[in-house]
Amino acid sequence: MSVVKINVLTVPAEQRETLEKRFASRAHAVENSDGFEWFELLRPVEGTDTYLVYTRWRDEAAFQAWMEGPMKSAHQGGGETAGDRPKPAASGSTLWSFEVVQQTGPGGA
């Protein structure tokens, strides 16, 4: 079964727009990765400054291949020097990992 990775990002209110714009500008960065199944950026509605970045993968190996390839390159600035990279919008990050053991969809699909 699939694996789910949830990146928990602490984002101060003044950085929310910046974070969302950065994700929007990379909208297709993960979609063609082998084993990728789903992505969602979840904005907090009330009582927290925590965004959730939800991704689902065919298996752990597919996620790790993306982490060591395309994701690593993107976060290293694509060849830019450290001084050229923008300041992170999030002030903290934690990765949660889950295995999908049951799932359903509309109509029991």
Protein backbone atom coordinates (compact mmCIF):
# COMPACT_ATOMS: atom_id res chain seq x y z
CA MET A 1 0.00 0.00 0.00
CA SER A 2 0.89 3.66 -0.33
CA VAL A 3 2.83 5.77 2.15
CA VAL A 4 1.85 9.27 3.26
CA LYS A 5 4.32 11.98 4.19
CA ILE A 6 3.06 15.07 6.00
CA ASN A 7 5.47 17.95 6.38
CA VAL A 8 4.31 20.06 9.33
CA LEU A 9 5.40 23.67 8.79
CA THR A 10 5.25 26.42 11.40
CA VAL A 11 4.52 29.59 9.41
CA PRO A 12 4.19 33.01 11.04
CA ALA A 13 1.13 34.97 9.84
CA GLU A 14 3.28 37.48 7.95
CA GLN A 15 4.89 34.63 5.94
CA ARG A 16 1.71 32.79 4.87
CA GLU A 17 1.37 34.54 1.52
CA THR A 18 5.06 33.98 0.78
CA LEU A 19 4.80 30.26 1.53
CA GLU A 20 1.70 29.81 -0.61
CA LYS A 21 3.25 31.72 -3.54
CA ARG A 22 6.38 29.58 -3.37
CA PHE A 23 4.34 26.38 -3.48
CA ALA A 24 2.24 27.76 -6.35
CA SER A 25 5.38 28.59 -8.35
CA ARG A 26 6.52 24.96 -7.98
CA ALA A 27 3.08 23.52 -8.70
CA HIS A 28 4.34 20.85 -11.10
CA ALA A 29 7.67 20.07 -9.43
CA VAL A 30 6.58 16.71 -8.01
CA GLU A 31 3.77 15.51 -10.28
CA ASN A 32 5.92 13.58 -12.74
CA SER A 33 8.05 11.85 -10.12
CA ASP A 34 7.96 8.06 -10.26
CA GLY A 35 5.66 6.75 -7.56
CA PHE A 36 4.02 10.10 -6.77
CA GLU A 37 0.27 9.80 -6.11
CA TRP A 38 -1.08 12.98 -4.47
CA PHE A 39 -0.22 16.43 -3.08
CA GLU A 40 -2.14 18.95 -0.97
CA LEU A 41 -1.05 22.13 0.80
CA LEU A 42 -3.36 22.62 3.80
CA ARG A 43 -3.75 26.14 5.22
CA PRO A 44 -4.70 26.48 8.91
CA VAL A 45 -8.14 27.97 9.47
CA GLU A 46 -8.05 28.92 13.12
CA GLY A 47 -6.03 28.53 16.29
CA THR A 48 -2.68 27.51 14.79
CA ASP A 49 0.15 28.71 12.57
CA THR A 50 0.80 25.20 11.24
CA TYR A 51 0.51 24.33 7.56
CA LEU A 52 0.42 20.69 6.47
CA VAL A 53 2.03 19.55 3.22
CA TYR A 54 0.42 16.21 2.36
CA THR A 55 1.98 13.87 -0.20
CA ARG A 56 1.16 10.25 -0.97
CA TRP A 57 3.62 7.87 -2.64
CA ARG A 58 3.48 4.35 -4.09
CA ASP A 59 6.02 3.21 -1.50
CA GLU A 60 8.86 4.43 0.71
CA ALA A 61 11.44 3.81 -2.03
CA ALA A 62 9.64 6.22 -4.41
CA PHE A 63 9.56 8.92 -1.73
CA GLN A 64 13.24 8.44 -0.90
CA ALA A 65 14.20 8.59 -4.60
CA TRP A 66 12.36 11.93 -4.90
CA MET A 67 14.00 13.22 -1.70
CA GLU A 68 17.48 12.37 -2.95
CA GLY A 69 16.87 13.62 -6.50
CA PRO A 70 14.43 16.36 -7.53
CA MET A 71 13.58 17.61 -4.03
CA LYS A 72 17.20 17.83 -2.95
CA SER A 73 18.12 19.77 -6.09
CA ALA A 74 15.21 22.18 -5.64
CA HIS A 75 16.11 22.92 -2.03
CA GLN A 76 19.77 23.46 -2.85
CA GLY A 77 18.72 26.40 -5.01
CA GLY A 78 19.39 24.86 -8.39
CA GLY A 79 23.01 26.04 -8.42
CA GLU A 80 22.44 29.38 -6.76
CA THR A 81 24.77 30.49 -4.01
CA ALA A 82 23.43 30.49 -0.47
CA GLY A 83 23.25 34.30 -0.49
CA ASP A 84 20.86 34.23 -3.48
CA ARG A 85 18.30 31.93 -1.87
CA PRO A 86 15.28 33.55 -0.23
CA LYS A 87 14.79 33.27 3.50
CA PRO A 88 12.58 30.29 4.48
CA ALA A 89 8.91 31.19 5.02
CA ALA A 90 8.54 28.50 7.70
CA SER A 91 10.20 28.82 11.08
CA GLY A 92 10.02 25.09 11.81
CA SER A 93 9.42 21.78 10.05
CA THR A 94 8.64 18.22 11.14
CA LEU A 95 8.04 15.21 8.85
CA TRP A 96 5.34 12.71 9.80
CA SER A 97 5.26 9.32 8.02
CA PHE A 98 2.33 6.92 7.71
CA GLU A 99 1.43 3.72 5.88
CA VAL A 100 -2.03 3.58 4.32
CA VAL A 101 -3.74 0.53 5.81
CA GLN A 102 -7.32 1.32 4.75
CA GLN A 103 -8.81 3.71 2.23
CA THR A 104 -12.10 4.47 0.52
CA GLY A 105 -13.51 7.08 -1.78
CA PRO A 106 -16.89 8.27 -2.98
CA GLY A 107 -19.19 5.33 -3.63
CA GLY A 108 -16.80 2.99 -1.79
CA ALA A 109 -14.14 3.24 -4.49
